[in-house]
Every structure is written in structure tokens, then in C-alpha cells.
Amino acid sequence: MALEVCLNPVLILGLGPFPKMGIAGSATATLVSQTLTLGLIIAWLYRTDSILVLRRSEWGLLKPDFAIMKSLVTKGLPMGLQMFVISGAAVIMTRFVNSYGSQTAAAYGAAIQLWTYVQMPAMALGMAVSSMAAQNVGAGKMDRVDKVAGIGVAYAALLSGVPILIIYAVEPTVLRLFLPAGSSSIPIAIHINSFVLWGFIPFGMSFILSGIVRATGSVVPPLIFMVISLWIIRIPFALTLQPLLGADAIWWSFPLGSMTSLTLAASWFKWGPWRKSRLLETIPRGQAPDTGHGHPGGVEETEAAEAAL
């Protein structure tokens, strides 16, 4: 990241011996920094003799496994479609906003910048919780999955709520990072956030629950929930009530969609049959293959093995 930040102005402006590349310099800086990072990671893995390193005797594992490939496609496609659902809904909402003029559009653009930072903690936490859930599902420890879900939801609410409170406290100052001082868009952005910003708390909580459910291989229901919350609730609500509420119909639709998503995710988590889902039917749950680097049976079996030594 530091290298990319330094290379961006150097390659864009052509500082020192480097060529002036314009906008292509930004892409080149990203390519160089990420390639170097990949090389350093690989070198570190080999230096530390990591279990992630593929050794010569293991090259045969590169042979395609069609059962795994089928699972990747069938499980990965619904997760990929979620991006189309989200992006399509964002385009429609932007079209609604643009109809209220350039000042509202500028305010909406600035508000979105703040929303990005509010969502980051919950999204990062969701990925971590999903990995933890997947490991415990593989070990057959479903009681731990429920515990991970509860802790994850609580932290998602906390890590979303704290930055939201901070933004509310210093909002005019923060918005001046994206809008000129004295801009008429600043009051509009503050008004937008008064409706929308708090809705990212239920959004973060639903992200945790959906991530845990997907970790078991139940990937279609979260996609359906996303379609319902965005395309059946948010967009129709904003479209239908604009004649009555004006632009406020758009702002109200955001927390309404988030609350719908949380309600659906929580209901499926509590009552849905997702615990019976499998990523690979050929590997029974709790019987992970032995990698040769540890005990696949779980914590209790590992502790027993260590005690026996």
C-alpha cells in the first residue's frame, strides 16, 4: 500500500527519471506494488516453511478435481450474482437521486464516501466470522457456530455504531473533506445521513449472519434475501412514495431495506435448514482430510494426541 501511494504521483507526473504516464501511471503503480507484494508473500511462505507452500511431492494436487470444480461453480455463482444485484440496485438509486438536481447528487456522492468507511468494519468482520464458522462446521462443532454468530453480530453492531456516532458528532467537518466549505450540498448530505447512516447497523448484523450461512454451503437464500431487500422493498418503496415524500422516500428506503435484510437473515439463521447444507457431499462433516500438518479431528482430538506424546 505504501509503495502504491508513493508510486502513484511519481508515475502519473513523471517525477525524476520516471516517465510521465498520466492516468496509466496509477494502474502501473497498482500492478507493480501488488506484484511485488505477491513475490514477498511467496518468499516469506517458503522461508518460514509454511503449510501453504506447495512442494514437489504435492504437485499432483494441481490436477483438477471435478467434484470441487462443480462445487465452486454451483456455490460461487449465487455469491457472484449478489454483486450484480447490489450494483444494479445502486444504479437505479443513483438515477432517482440525480432527478433532484446537481446539489442533491453531490450531497449523495459525499454521503456515499462516508458510508464506505462505516461498512468496512462489518464487512471485514463478516469475512473473518465466515472463516471461523466454516472451520467449526467442518469439525462438526455447530454449537461453536452459534456462539461465533452471536459474538459476531454483537461486534458488528458495535463496530458499525461507533463510527456512525463519530460521524454524527463531527459531520459538517467530515463532509468538508468531500465538499467545498459553504457548499449548499453539505446540509443536504447531513439530512441524507440522518435517515440512512444508522441503517448500516442492521446491515452489518445481517452481513454476519449471511456470511455464516454461506460458510455451510447455503448460498442461494442470502441471494434471495438480497433481491427481496433491494429490488422488492427498497426500490419500489422509493419509487412509489416519491410523489408523497419527495427525496425523503429514497433516504427512508435504505434503512428499510437493511431492516428487511436483517429480519430475513435472522429468521433463516434461526429456523432455516442451513445447518444441513454441505459444500462437498463427498466429504462427511467432521471428517476433514488429513493434510499431514495437524490433527483434523478437532481441538479435543488434538489435545488428546499431544497428551499421548
C-alpha atoms as a PDB file:
ATOM      1  CA  MET A   1       0.000   0.000   0.000  1.00  0.00           C
ATOM      2  CA  ALA A   2       2.787   2.443   0.929  1.00  0.00           C
ATOM      3  CA  LEU A   3       4.639   1.658  -2.300  1.00  0.00           C
ATOM      4  CA  GLU A   4       1.500   2.216  -4.362  1.00  0.00           C
ATOM      5  CA  VAL A   5       0.830   5.558  -2.671  1.00  0.00           C
ATOM      6  CA  CYS A   6       4.389   6.679  -3.414  1.00  0.00           C
ATOM      7  CA  LEU A   7       4.448   5.417  -6.992  1.00  0.00           C
ATOM      8  CA  ASN A   8       1.116   6.993  -7.964  1.00  0.00           C
ATOM      9  CA  PRO A   9       2.310  10.628  -8.154  1.00  0.00           C
ATOM     10  CA  VAL A  10       5.747   9.581  -9.414  1.00  0.00           C
ATOM     11  CA  LEU A  11       4.381   7.708 -12.445  1.00  0.00           C
ATOM     12  CA  ILE A  12       1.429   9.999 -13.089  1.00  0.00           C
ATOM     13  CA  LEU A  13       3.522  13.205 -13.101  1.00  0.00           C
ATOM     14  CA  GLY A  14       6.773  11.676 -14.327  1.00  0.00           C
ATOM     15  CA  LEU A  15       8.906  12.751 -11.377  1.00  0.00           C
ATOM     16  CA  GLY A  16      12.675  12.182 -11.516  1.00  0.00           C
ATOM     17  CA  PRO A  17      13.824   9.537 -14.008  1.00  0.00           C
ATOM     18  CA  PHE A  18      10.349   8.029 -14.360  1.00  0.00           C
ATOM     19  CA  PRO A  19       8.214   8.612 -17.477  1.00  0.00           C
ATOM     20  CA  LYS A  20       5.081  10.781 -17.331  1.00  0.00           C
ATOM     21  CA  MET A  21       2.285   8.232 -17.805  1.00  0.00           C
ATOM     22  CA  GLY A  22      -0.804  10.194 -16.813  1.00  0.00           C
ATOM     23  CA  ILE A  23      -3.736   8.097 -15.639  1.00  0.00           C
ATOM     24  CA  ALA A  24      -1.938   4.953 -16.824  1.00  0.00           C
ATOM     25  CA  GLY A  25       0.620   5.632 -14.101  1.00  0.00           C
ATOM     26  CA  SER A  26      -1.967   4.875 -11.425  1.00  0.00           C
ATOM     27  CA  ALA A  27      -2.699   1.468 -12.958  1.00  0.00           C
ATOM     28  CA  THR A  28       1.020   0.775 -13.338  1.00  0.00           C
ATOM     29  CA  ALA A  29       1.663   1.689  -9.708  1.00  0.00           C
ATOM     30  CA  THR A  30      -1.025  -0.768  -8.616  1.00  0.00           C
ATOM     31  CA  LEU A  31       0.401  -3.521 -10.837  1.00  0.00           C
ATOM     32  CA  VAL A  32       3.977  -3.023  -9.615  1.00  0.00           C
ATOM     33  CA  SER A  33       3.069  -2.829  -5.914  1.00  0.00           C
ATOM     34  CA  GLN A  34       0.765  -5.849  -5.985  1.00  0.00           C
ATOM     35  CA  THR A  35       3.237  -7.942  -7.995  1.00  0.00           C
ATOM     36  CA  LEU A  36       5.995  -7.107  -5.540  1.00  0.00           C
ATOM     37  CA  THR A  37       3.698  -7.910  -2.621  1.00  0.00           C
ATOM     38  CA  LEU A  38       2.862 -11.297  -4.126  1.00  0.00           C
ATOM     39  CA  GLY A  39       6.547 -12.080  -4.575  1.00  0.00           C
ATOM     40  CA  LEU A  40       7.345 -11.125  -0.987  1.00  0.00           C
ATOM     41  CA  ILE A  41       4.480 -13.243   0.341  1.00  0.00           C
ATOM     42  CA  ILE A  42       5.649 -16.290  -1.622  1.00  0.00           C
ATOM     43  CA  ALA A  43       9.244 -15.772  -0.434  1.00  0.00           C
ATOM     44  CA  TRP A  44       8.069 -15.451   3.185  1.00  0.00           C
ATOM     45  CA  LEU A  45       5.981 -18.623   2.938  1.00  0.00           C
ATOM     46  CA  TYR A  46       8.968 -20.620   1.677  1.00  0.00           C
ATOM     47  CA  ARG A  47      11.319 -19.088   4.240  1.00  0.00           C
ATOM     48  CA  THR A  48       9.005 -19.994   7.135  1.00  0.00           C
ATOM     49  CA  ASP A  49       8.254 -23.447   5.680  1.00  0.00           C
ATOM     50  CA  SER A  50       4.540 -22.681   5.765  1.00  0.00           C
ATOM     51  CA  ILE A  51       1.971 -25.431   5.289  1.00  0.00           C
ATOM     52  CA  LEU A  52       0.589 -23.297   2.447  1.00  0.00           C
ATOM     53  CA  VAL A  53       3.688 -23.924   0.331  1.00  0.00           C
ATOM     54  CA  LEU A  54       3.162 -26.464  -2.444  1.00  0.00           C
ATOM     55  CA  ARG A  55       6.111 -28.863  -2.504  1.00  0.00           C
ATOM     56  CA  ARG A  56       7.291 -31.032  -5.376  1.00  0.00           C
ATOM     57  CA  SER A  57       5.664 -34.169  -3.938  1.00  0.00           C
ATOM     58  CA  GLU A  58       2.355 -32.294  -3.837  1.00  0.00           C
ATOM     59  CA  TRP A  59       2.307 -31.022  -7.427  1.00  0.00           C
ATOM     60  CA  GLY A  60      -0.112 -33.796  -8.276  1.00  0.00           C
ATOM     61  CA  LEU A  61      -2.709 -31.951  -6.190  1.00  0.00           C
ATOM     62  CA  LEU A  62      -2.890 -29.380  -9.010  1.00  0.00           C
ATOM     63  CA  LYS A  63      -4.787 -31.906 -11.091  1.00  0.00           C
ATOM     64  CA  PRO A  64      -8.371 -30.624 -11.455  1.00  0.00           C
ATOM     65  CA  ASP A  65     -10.913 -32.271  -9.168  1.00  0.00           C
ATOM     66  CA  PHE A  66     -14.244 -32.075 -10.950  1.00  0.00           C
ATOM     67  CA  ALA A  67     -16.234 -32.519  -7.743  1.00  0.00           C
ATOM     68  CA  ILE A  68     -14.517 -29.475  -6.280  1.00  0.00           C
ATOM     69  CA  MET A  69     -14.878 -27.537  -9.539  1.00  0.00           C
ATOM     70  CA  LYS A  70     -18.590 -28.300  -9.620  1.00  0.00           C
ATOM     71  CA  SER A  71     -18.933 -27.084  -6.051  1.00  0.00           C
ATOM     72  CA  LEU A  72     -17.000 -23.908  -6.838  1.00  0.00           C
ATOM     73  CA  VAL A  73     -19.317 -23.114  -9.743  1.00  0.00           C
ATOM     74  CA  THR A  74     -22.615 -24.041  -8.112  1.00  0.00           C
ATOM     75  CA  LYS A  75     -21.766 -22.368  -4.799  1.00  0.00           C
ATOM     76  CA  GLY A  76     -19.806 -19.460  -6.220  1.00  0.00           C
ATOM     77  CA  LEU A  77     -22.289 -18.390  -8.894  1.00  0.00           C
ATOM     78  CA  PRO A  78     -25.009 -17.227  -6.464  1.00  0.00           C
ATOM     79  CA  MET A  79     -22.414 -15.268  -4.484  1.00  0.00           C
ATOM     80  CA  GLY A  80     -21.214 -13.657  -7.704  1.00  0.00           C
ATOM     81  CA  LEU A  81     -24.749 -12.780  -8.686  1.00  0.00           C
ATOM     82  CA  GLN A  82     -25.097 -10.806  -5.461  1.00  0.00           C
ATOM     83  CA  MET A  83     -22.685  -8.244  -6.879  1.00  0.00           C
ATOM     84  CA  PHE A  84     -24.926  -7.772  -9.916  1.00  0.00           C
ATOM     85  CA  VAL A  85     -27.945  -7.402  -7.642  1.00  0.00           C
ATOM     86  CA  ILE A  86     -26.187  -4.794  -5.494  1.00  0.00           C
ATOM     87  CA  SER A  87     -24.652  -2.889  -8.414  1.00  0.00           C
ATOM     88  CA  GLY A  88     -27.908  -2.830 -10.363  1.00  0.00           C
ATOM     89  CA  ALA A  89     -29.818  -1.501  -7.364  1.00  0.00           C
ATOM     90  CA  ALA A  90     -27.153   1.177  -6.814  1.00  0.00           C
ATOM     91  CA  VAL A  91     -27.551   2.369 -10.400  1.00  0.00           C
ATOM     92  CA  ILE A  92     -31.320   2.675 -10.004  1.00  0.00           C
ATOM     93  CA  MET A  93     -30.975   4.587  -6.723  1.00  0.00           C
ATOM     94  CA  THR A  94     -28.438   6.955  -8.315  1.00  0.00           C
ATOM     95  CA  ARG A  95     -30.897   7.616 -11.118  1.00  0.00           C
ATOM     96  CA  PHE A  96     -33.572   8.513  -8.550  1.00  0.00           C
ATOM     97  CA  VAL A  97     -31.150  10.861  -6.773  1.00  0.00           C
ATOM     98  CA  ASN A  98     -29.991  12.581  -9.958  1.00  0.00           C
ATOM     99  CA  SER A  99     -33.546  13.623 -10.745  1.00  0.00           C
ATOM    100  CA  TYR A 100     -33.364  16.064  -7.789  1.00  0.00           C
ATOM    101  CA  GLY A 101     -30.534  18.114  -9.252  1.00  0.00           C
ATOM    102  CA  SER A 102     -26.792  18.504  -9.043  1.00  0.00           C
ATOM    103  CA  GLN A 103     -26.706  19.700  -5.418  1.00  0.00           C
ATOM    104  CA  THR A 104     -28.533  16.601  -4.184  1.00  0.00           C
ATOM    105  CA  ALA A 105     -26.378  14.395  -6.413  1.00  0.00           C
ATOM    106  CA  ALA A 106     -23.204  15.943  -4.972  1.00  0.00           C
ATOM    107  CA  ALA A 107     -24.511  15.504  -1.422  1.00  0.00           C
ATOM    108  CA  TYR A 108     -25.362  11.873  -2.143  1.00  0.00           C
ATOM    109  CA  GLY A 109     -21.889  11.269  -3.573  1.00  0.00           C
ATOM    110  CA  ALA A 110     -20.240  12.715  -0.462  1.00  0.00           C
ATOM    111  CA  ALA A 111     -22.506  10.697   1.830  1.00  0.00           C
ATOM    112  CA  ILE A 112     -21.610   7.504  -0.027  1.00  0.00           C
ATOM    113  CA  GLN A 113     -17.937   8.142   0.746  1.00  0.00           C
ATOM    114  CA  LEU A 114     -18.762   8.106   4.455  1.00  0.00           C
ATOM    115  CA  TRP A 115     -20.935   5.013   4.102  1.00  0.00           C
ATOM    116  CA  THR A 116     -17.982   3.132   2.624  1.00  0.00           C
ATOM    117  CA  TYR A 117     -15.938   3.619   5.794  1.00  0.00           C
ATOM    118  CA  VAL A 118     -18.889   2.713   8.015  1.00  0.00           C
ATOM    119  CA  GLN A 119     -19.400  -0.582   6.174  1.00  0.00           C
ATOM    120  CA  MET A 120     -15.740  -1.625   6.207  1.00  0.00           C
ATOM    121  CA  PRO A 121     -15.522  -2.970   9.793  1.00  0.00           C
ATOM    122  CA  ALA A 122     -18.643  -5.105   9.465  1.00  0.00           C
ATOM    123  CA  MET A 123     -17.577  -6.472   6.077  1.00  0.00           C
ATOM    124  CA  ALA A 124     -14.089  -7.352   7.348  1.00  0.00           C
ATOM    125  CA  LEU A 125     -15.610  -8.926  10.445  1.00  0.00           C
ATOM    126  CA  GLY A 126     -18.061 -10.841   8.274  1.00  0.00           C
ATOM    127  CA  MET A 127     -15.242 -12.449   6.290  1.00  0.00           C
ATOM    128  CA  ALA A 128     -13.424 -13.415   9.481  1.00  0.00           C
ATOM    129  CA  VAL A 129     -16.557 -14.842  11.079  1.00  0.00           C
ATOM    130  CA  SER A 130     -17.359 -16.781   7.903  1.00  0.00           C
ATOM    131  CA  SER A 131     -13.938 -18.457   8.023  1.00  0.00           C
ATOM    132  CA  MET A 132     -14.345 -19.303  11.709  1.00  0.00           C
ATOM    133  CA  ALA A 133     -17.793 -20.732  11.067  1.00  0.00           C
ATOM    134  CA  ALA A 134     -16.544 -22.828   8.148  1.00  0.00           C
ATOM    135  CA  GLN A 135     -13.789 -24.349  10.285  1.00  0.00           C
ATOM    136  CA  ASN A 136     -16.197 -25.283  13.053  1.00  0.00           C
ATOM    137  CA  VAL A 137     -18.763 -26.627  10.590  1.00  0.00           C
ATOM    138  CA  GLY A 138     -16.053 -28.849   9.122  1.00  0.00           C
ATOM    139  CA  ALA A 139     -15.216 -30.067  12.625  1.00  0.00           C
ATOM    140  CA  GLY A 140     -18.892 -30.731  13.353  1.00  0.00           C
ATOM    141  CA  LYS A 141     -18.959 -28.145  16.168  1.00  0.00           C
ATOM    142  CA  MET A 142     -22.282 -26.468  15.408  1.00  0.00           C
ATOM    143  CA  ASP A 143     -22.585 -25.160  18.965  1.00  0.00           C
ATOM    144  CA  ARG A 144     -19.481 -23.101  18.314  1.00  0.00           C
ATOM    145  CA  VAL A 145     -21.030 -21.775  15.099  1.00  0.00           C
ATOM    146  CA  ASP A 146     -23.955 -20.381  17.069  1.00  0.00           C
ATOM    147  CA  LYS A 147     -21.536 -18.792  19.542  1.00  0.00           C
ATOM    148  CA  VAL A 148     -19.489 -17.261  16.724  1.00  0.00           C
ATOM    149  CA  ALA A 149     -22.690 -15.863  15.224  1.00  0.00           C
ATOM    150  CA  GLY A 150     -23.772 -14.248  18.472  1.00  0.00           C
ATOM    151  CA  ILE A 151     -20.398 -12.655  19.133  1.00  0.00           C
ATOM    152  CA  GLY A 152     -20.048 -11.599  15.504  1.00  0.00           C
ATOM    153  CA  VAL A 153     -23.451  -9.884  15.438  1.00  0.00           C
ATOM    154  CA  ALA A 154     -22.669  -8.020  18.669  1.00  0.00           C
ATOM    155  CA  TYR A 155     -19.321  -6.806  17.377  1.00  0.00           C
ATOM    156  CA  ALA A 156     -20.863  -5.838  14.032  1.00  0.00           C
ATOM    157  CA  ALA A 157     -23.383  -3.629  15.825  1.00  0.00           C
ATOM    158  CA  LEU A 158     -20.613  -2.100  17.949  1.00  0.00           C
ATOM    159  CA  LEU A 159     -18.102  -1.564  15.142  1.00  0.00           C
ATOM    160  CA  SER A 160     -20.786  -0.026  12.933  1.00  0.00           C
ATOM    161  CA  GLY A 161     -22.376   2.051  15.667  1.00  0.00           C
ATOM    162  CA  VAL A 162     -19.178   3.705  16.933  1.00  0.00           C
ATOM    163  CA  PRO A 163     -18.109   5.278  13.595  1.00  0.00           C
ATOM    164  CA  ILE A 164     -21.707   6.301  12.958  1.00  0.00           C
ATOM    165  CA  LEU A 165     -21.822   8.177  16.264  1.00  0.00           C
ATOM    166  CA  ILE A 166     -18.471   9.803  15.491  1.00  0.00           C
ATOM    167  CA  ILE A 167     -19.688  10.916  12.072  1.00  0.00           C
ATOM    168  CA  TYR A 168     -22.884  12.338  13.532  1.00  0.00           C
ATOM    169  CA  ALA A 169     -20.798  14.268  16.089  1.00  0.00           C
ATOM    170  CA  VAL A 170     -18.431  15.891  13.558  1.00  0.00           C
ATOM    171  CA  GLU A 171     -20.450  15.539  10.374  1.00  0.00           C
ATOM    172  CA  PRO A 172     -20.072  19.080   8.926  1.00  0.00           C
ATOM    173  CA  THR A 173     -16.309  18.881   9.360  1.00  0.00           C
ATOM    174  CA  VAL A 174     -16.042  15.419   7.815  1.00  0.00           C
ATOM    175  CA  LEU A 175     -18.194  16.358   4.832  1.00  0.00           C
ATOM    176  CA  ARG A 176     -15.869  19.253   4.028  1.00  0.00           C
ATOM    177  CA  LEU A 177     -13.314  16.607   3.067  1.00  0.00           C
ATOM    178  CA  PHE A 178     -15.514  15.854   0.046  1.00  0.00           C
ATOM    179  CA  LEU A 179     -17.425  19.109  -0.500  1.00  0.00           C
ATOM    180  CA  PRO A 180     -16.265  22.739  -0.586  1.00  0.00           C
ATOM    181  CA  ALA A 181     -16.780  24.758   2.603  1.00  0.00           C
ATOM    182  CA  GLY A 182     -20.062  26.631   2.417  1.00  0.00           C
ATOM    183  CA  SER A 183     -21.453  24.295  -0.250  1.00  0.00           C
ATOM    184  CA  SER A 184     -25.244  24.039  -0.267  1.00  0.00           C
ATOM    185  CA  SER A 185     -24.783  20.280  -0.629  1.00  0.00           C
ATOM    186  CA  ILE A 186     -23.462  19.914   2.931  1.00  0.00           C
ATOM    187  CA  PRO A 187     -26.857  20.462   4.640  1.00  0.00           C
ATOM    188  CA  ILE A 188     -28.414  18.066   2.145  1.00  0.00           C
ATOM    189  CA  ALA A 189     -25.788  15.413   2.922  1.00  0.00           C
ATOM    190  CA  ILE A 190     -26.412  15.865   6.661  1.00  0.00           C
ATOM    191  CA  HIS A 191     -30.123  15.418   6.017  1.00  0.00           C
ATOM    192  CA  ILE A 192     -29.468  12.262   3.983  1.00  0.00           C
ATOM    193  CA  ASN A 193     -27.299  10.760   6.712  1.00  0.00           C
ATOM    194  CA  SER A 194     -29.933  11.427   9.352  1.00  0.00           C
ATOM    195  CA  PHE A 195     -32.074   8.847   7.533  1.00  0.00           C
ATOM    196  CA  VAL A 196     -29.518   6.447   6.083  1.00  0.00           C
ATOM    197  CA  LEU A 197     -26.442   6.231   8.287  1.00  0.00           C
ATOM    198  CA  TRP A 198     -27.925   4.390  11.263  1.00  0.00           C
ATOM    199  CA  GLY A 199     -29.332   1.749   8.892  1.00  0.00           C
ATOM    200  CA  PHE A 200     -25.847   0.321   8.442  1.00  0.00           C
ATOM    201  CA  ILE A 201     -26.063  -1.197  11.914  1.00  0.00           C
ATOM    202  CA  PRO A 202     -28.701  -3.781  10.878  1.00  0.00           C
ATOM    203  CA  PHE A 203     -26.872  -4.094   7.554  1.00  0.00           C
ATOM    204  CA  GLY A 204     -23.683  -5.152   9.354  1.00  0.00           C
ATOM    205  CA  MET A 205     -25.568  -7.607  11.542  1.00  0.00           C
ATOM    206  CA  SER A 206     -27.250  -9.223   8.538  1.00  0.00           C
ATOM    207  CA  PHE A 207     -23.862  -9.414   6.775  1.00  0.00           C
ATOM    208  CA  ILE A 208     -22.530 -11.528   9.656  1.00  0.00           C
ATOM    209  CA  LEU A 209     -25.465 -13.944   9.641  1.00  0.00           C
ATOM    210  CA  SER A 210     -25.453 -14.313   5.864  1.00  0.00           C
ATOM    211  CA  GLY A 211     -21.697 -14.964   5.885  1.00  0.00           C
ATOM    212  CA  ILE A 212     -22.080 -17.753   8.425  1.00  0.00           C
ATOM    213  CA  VAL A 213     -24.914 -19.346   6.466  1.00  0.00           C
ATOM    214  CA  ARG A 214     -22.880 -19.190   3.247  1.00  0.00           C
ATOM    215  CA  ALA A 215     -19.967 -20.881   5.024  1.00  0.00           C
ATOM    216  CA  THR A 216     -22.035 -24.077   5.236  1.00  0.00           C
ATOM    217  CA  GLY A 217     -22.815 -24.043   1.512  1.00  0.00           C
ATOM    218  CA  SER A 218     -26.295 -22.498   1.784  1.00  0.00           C
ATOM    219  CA  VAL A 219     -25.630 -19.733  -0.754  1.00  0.00           C
ATOM    220  CA  VAL A 220     -28.975 -19.296  -2.526  1.00  0.00           C
ATOM    221  CA  PRO A 221     -31.080 -17.964   0.397  1.00  0.00           C
ATOM    222  CA  PRO A 222     -28.756 -14.975   1.056  1.00  0.00           C
ATOM    223  CA  LEU A 223     -29.031 -14.107  -2.644  1.00  0.00           C
ATOM    224  CA  ILE A 224     -32.823 -14.264  -2.440  1.00  0.00           C
ATOM    225  CA  PHE A 225     -32.781 -12.088   0.681  1.00  0.00           C
ATOM    226  CA  MET A 226     -30.661  -9.527  -1.168  1.00  0.00           C
ATOM    227  CA  VAL A 227     -33.093  -9.469  -4.089  1.00  0.00           C
ATOM    228  CA  ILE A 228     -36.035  -9.026  -1.725  1.00  0.00           C
ATOM    229  CA  SER A 229     -34.467  -6.253   0.367  1.00  0.00           C
ATOM    230  CA  LEU A 230     -33.158  -4.275  -2.616  1.00  0.00           C
ATOM    231  CA  TRP A 231     -35.475  -4.948  -5.539  1.00  0.00           C
ATOM    232  CA  ILE A 232     -38.756  -5.759  -3.822  1.00  0.00           C
ATOM    233  CA  ILE A 233     -38.530  -3.428  -0.816  1.00  0.00           C
ATOM    234  CA  ARG A 234     -36.011  -0.601  -1.321  1.00  0.00           C
ATOM    235  CA  ILE A 235     -36.505   0.346  -4.959  1.00  0.00           C
ATOM    236  CA  PRO A 236     -40.335   0.014  -5.085  1.00  0.00           C
ATOM    237  CA  PHE A 237     -40.650   1.944  -1.803  1.00  0.00           C
ATOM    238  CA  ALA A 238     -38.512   4.798  -3.116  1.00  0.00           C
ATOM    239  CA  LEU A 239     -40.305   4.839  -6.467  1.00  0.00           C
ATOM    240  CA  THR A 240     -43.834   4.620  -5.098  1.00  0.00           C
ATOM    241  CA  LEU A 241     -43.555   7.160  -2.275  1.00  0.00           C
ATOM    242  CA  GLN A 242     -41.541   9.850  -4.040  1.00  0.00           C
ATOM    243  CA  PRO A 243     -44.709  11.713  -5.101  1.00  0.00           C
ATOM    244  CA  LEU A 244     -45.713  11.853  -1.424  1.00  0.00           C
ATOM    245  CA  LEU A 245     -42.380  12.199   0.419  1.00  0.00           C
ATOM    246  CA  GLY A 246     -40.111  13.567  -2.276  1.00  0.00           C
ATOM    247  CA  ALA A 247     -36.424  12.696  -1.951  1.00  0.00           C
ATOM    248  CA  ASP A 248     -37.031  11.511   1.624  1.00  0.00           C
ATOM    249  CA  ALA A 249     -38.634   8.391   0.152  1.00  0.00           C
ATOM    250  CA  ILE A 250     -35.214   7.492  -1.257  1.00  0.00           C
ATOM    251  CA  TRP A 251     -33.459   8.055   2.052  1.00  0.00           C
ATOM    252  CA  TRP A 252     -36.049   6.096   4.038  1.00  0.00           C
ATOM    253  CA  SER A 253     -35.730   3.159   1.649  1.00  0.00           C
ATOM    254  CA  PHE A 254     -32.139   2.476   2.757  1.00  0.00           C
ATOM    255  CA  PRO A 255     -32.774   1.608   6.431  1.00  0.00           C
ATOM    256  CA  LEU A 256     -35.999  -0.128   5.425  1.00  0.00           C
ATOM    257  CA  GLY A 257     -34.061  -2.401   3.085  1.00  0.00           C
ATOM    258  CA  SER A 258     -31.418  -3.038   5.759  1.00  0.00           C
ATOM    259  CA  MET A 259     -34.030  -3.945   8.361  1.00  0.00           C
ATOM    260  CA  THR A 260     -35.672  -6.297   5.869  1.00  0.00           C
ATOM    261  CA  SER A 261     -32.330  -7.953   5.148  1.00  0.00           C
ATOM    262  CA  LEU A 262     -31.632  -8.428   8.865  1.00  0.00           C
ATOM    263  CA  THR A 263     -35.106  -9.834   9.518  1.00  0.00           C
ATOM    264  CA  LEU A 264     -34.781 -12.369   6.695  1.00  0.00           C
ATOM    265  CA  ALA A 265     -31.208 -13.354   7.600  1.00  0.00           C
ATOM    266  CA  ALA A 266     -32.039 -13.758  11.292  1.00  0.00           C
ATOM    267  CA  SER A 267     -35.168 -15.797  10.513  1.00  0.00           C
ATOM    268  CA  TRP A 268     -33.257 -18.118   8.196  1.00  0.00           C
ATOM    269  CA  PHE A 269     -30.437 -18.455  10.714  1.00  0.00           C
ATOM    270  CA  LYS A 270     -32.853 -19.433  13.474  1.00  0.00           C
ATOM    271  CA  TRP A 271     -35.364 -21.583  11.607  1.00  0.00           C
ATOM    272  CA  GLY A 272     -33.865 -22.411   8.210  1.00  0.00           C
ATOM    273  CA  PRO A 273     -32.342 -25.824   7.391  1.00  0.00           C
ATOM    274  CA  TRP A 274     -28.954 -24.297   6.509  1.00  0.00           C
ATOM    275  CA  ARG A 275     -27.179 -26.452   9.107  1.00  0.00           C
ATOM    276  CA  LYS A 276     -27.803 -29.472   6.881  1.00  0.00           C
ATOM    277  CA  SER A 277     -26.061 -27.902   3.869  1.00  0.00           C
ATOM    278  CA  ARG A 278     -22.753 -29.228   2.545  1.00  0.00           C
ATOM    279  CA  LEU A 279     -20.063 -27.644   0.385  1.00  0.00           C
ATOM    280  CA  LEU A 280     -18.801 -31.043  -0.761  1.00  0.00           C
ATOM    281  CA  GLU A 281     -21.082 -34.029  -0.349  1.00  0.00           C
ATOM    282  CA  THR A 282     -18.139 -36.408  -0.815  1.00  0.00           C
ATOM    283  CA  ILE A 283     -16.532 -35.305   2.479  1.00  0.00           C
ATOM    284  CA  PRO A 284     -18.664 -36.038   5.567  1.00  0.00           C
ATOM    285  CA  ARG A 285     -18.860 -33.179   8.040  1.00  0.00           C
ATOM    286  CA  GLY A 286     -16.314 -33.502  10.836  1.00  0.00           C
ATOM    287  CA  GLN A 287     -14.075 -35.755   8.702  1.00  0.00           C
ATOM    288  CA  ALA A 288     -11.742 -33.298   7.007  1.00  0.00           C
ATOM    289  CA  PRO A 289      -8.861 -34.830   5.005  1.00  0.00           C
ATOM    290  CA  ASP A 290      -5.501 -35.128   6.760  1.00  0.00           C
ATOM    291  CA  THR A 291      -3.042 -32.557   5.405  1.00  0.00           C
ATOM    292  CA  GLY A 292      -0.151 -34.103   7.259  1.00  0.00           C
ATOM    293  CA  HIS A 293       0.374 -30.902   9.247  1.00  0.00           C
ATOM    294  CA  GLY A 294      -2.109 -31.353  12.074  1.00  0.00           C
ATOM    295  CA  HIS A 295      -4.930 -33.347  13.537  1.00  0.00           C
ATOM    296  CA  PRO A 296      -8.143 -32.910  11.523  1.00  0.00           C
ATOM    297  CA  GLY A 297     -10.429 -34.271  14.184  1.00  0.00           C
ATOM    298  CA  GLY A 298     -10.782 -31.056  16.165  1.00  0.00           C
ATOM    299  CA  VAL A 299      -9.446 -29.451  19.319  1.00  0.00           C
ATOM    300  CA  GLU A 300     -10.278 -32.325  21.660  1.00  0.00           C
ATOM    301  CA  GLU A 301      -8.537 -34.884  19.429  1.00  0.00           C
ATOM    302  CA  THR A 302      -5.520 -32.574  19.049  1.00  0.00           C
ATOM    303  CA  GLU A 303      -5.192 -32.125  22.808  1.00  0.00           C
ATOM    304  CA  ALA A 304      -5.512 -35.903  23.318  1.00  0.00           C
ATOM    305  CA  ALA A 305      -2.790 -36.567  20.758  1.00  0.00           C
ATOM    306  CA  GLU A 306      -0.481 -34.026  22.355  1.00  0.00           C
ATOM    307  CA  ALA A 307      -1.097 -35.570  25.790  1.00  0.00           C
ATOM    308  CA  ALA A 308      -0.263 -39.008  24.427  1.00  0.00           C
ATOM    309  CA  LEU A 309       3.103 -37.695  23.204  1.00  0.00           C
END
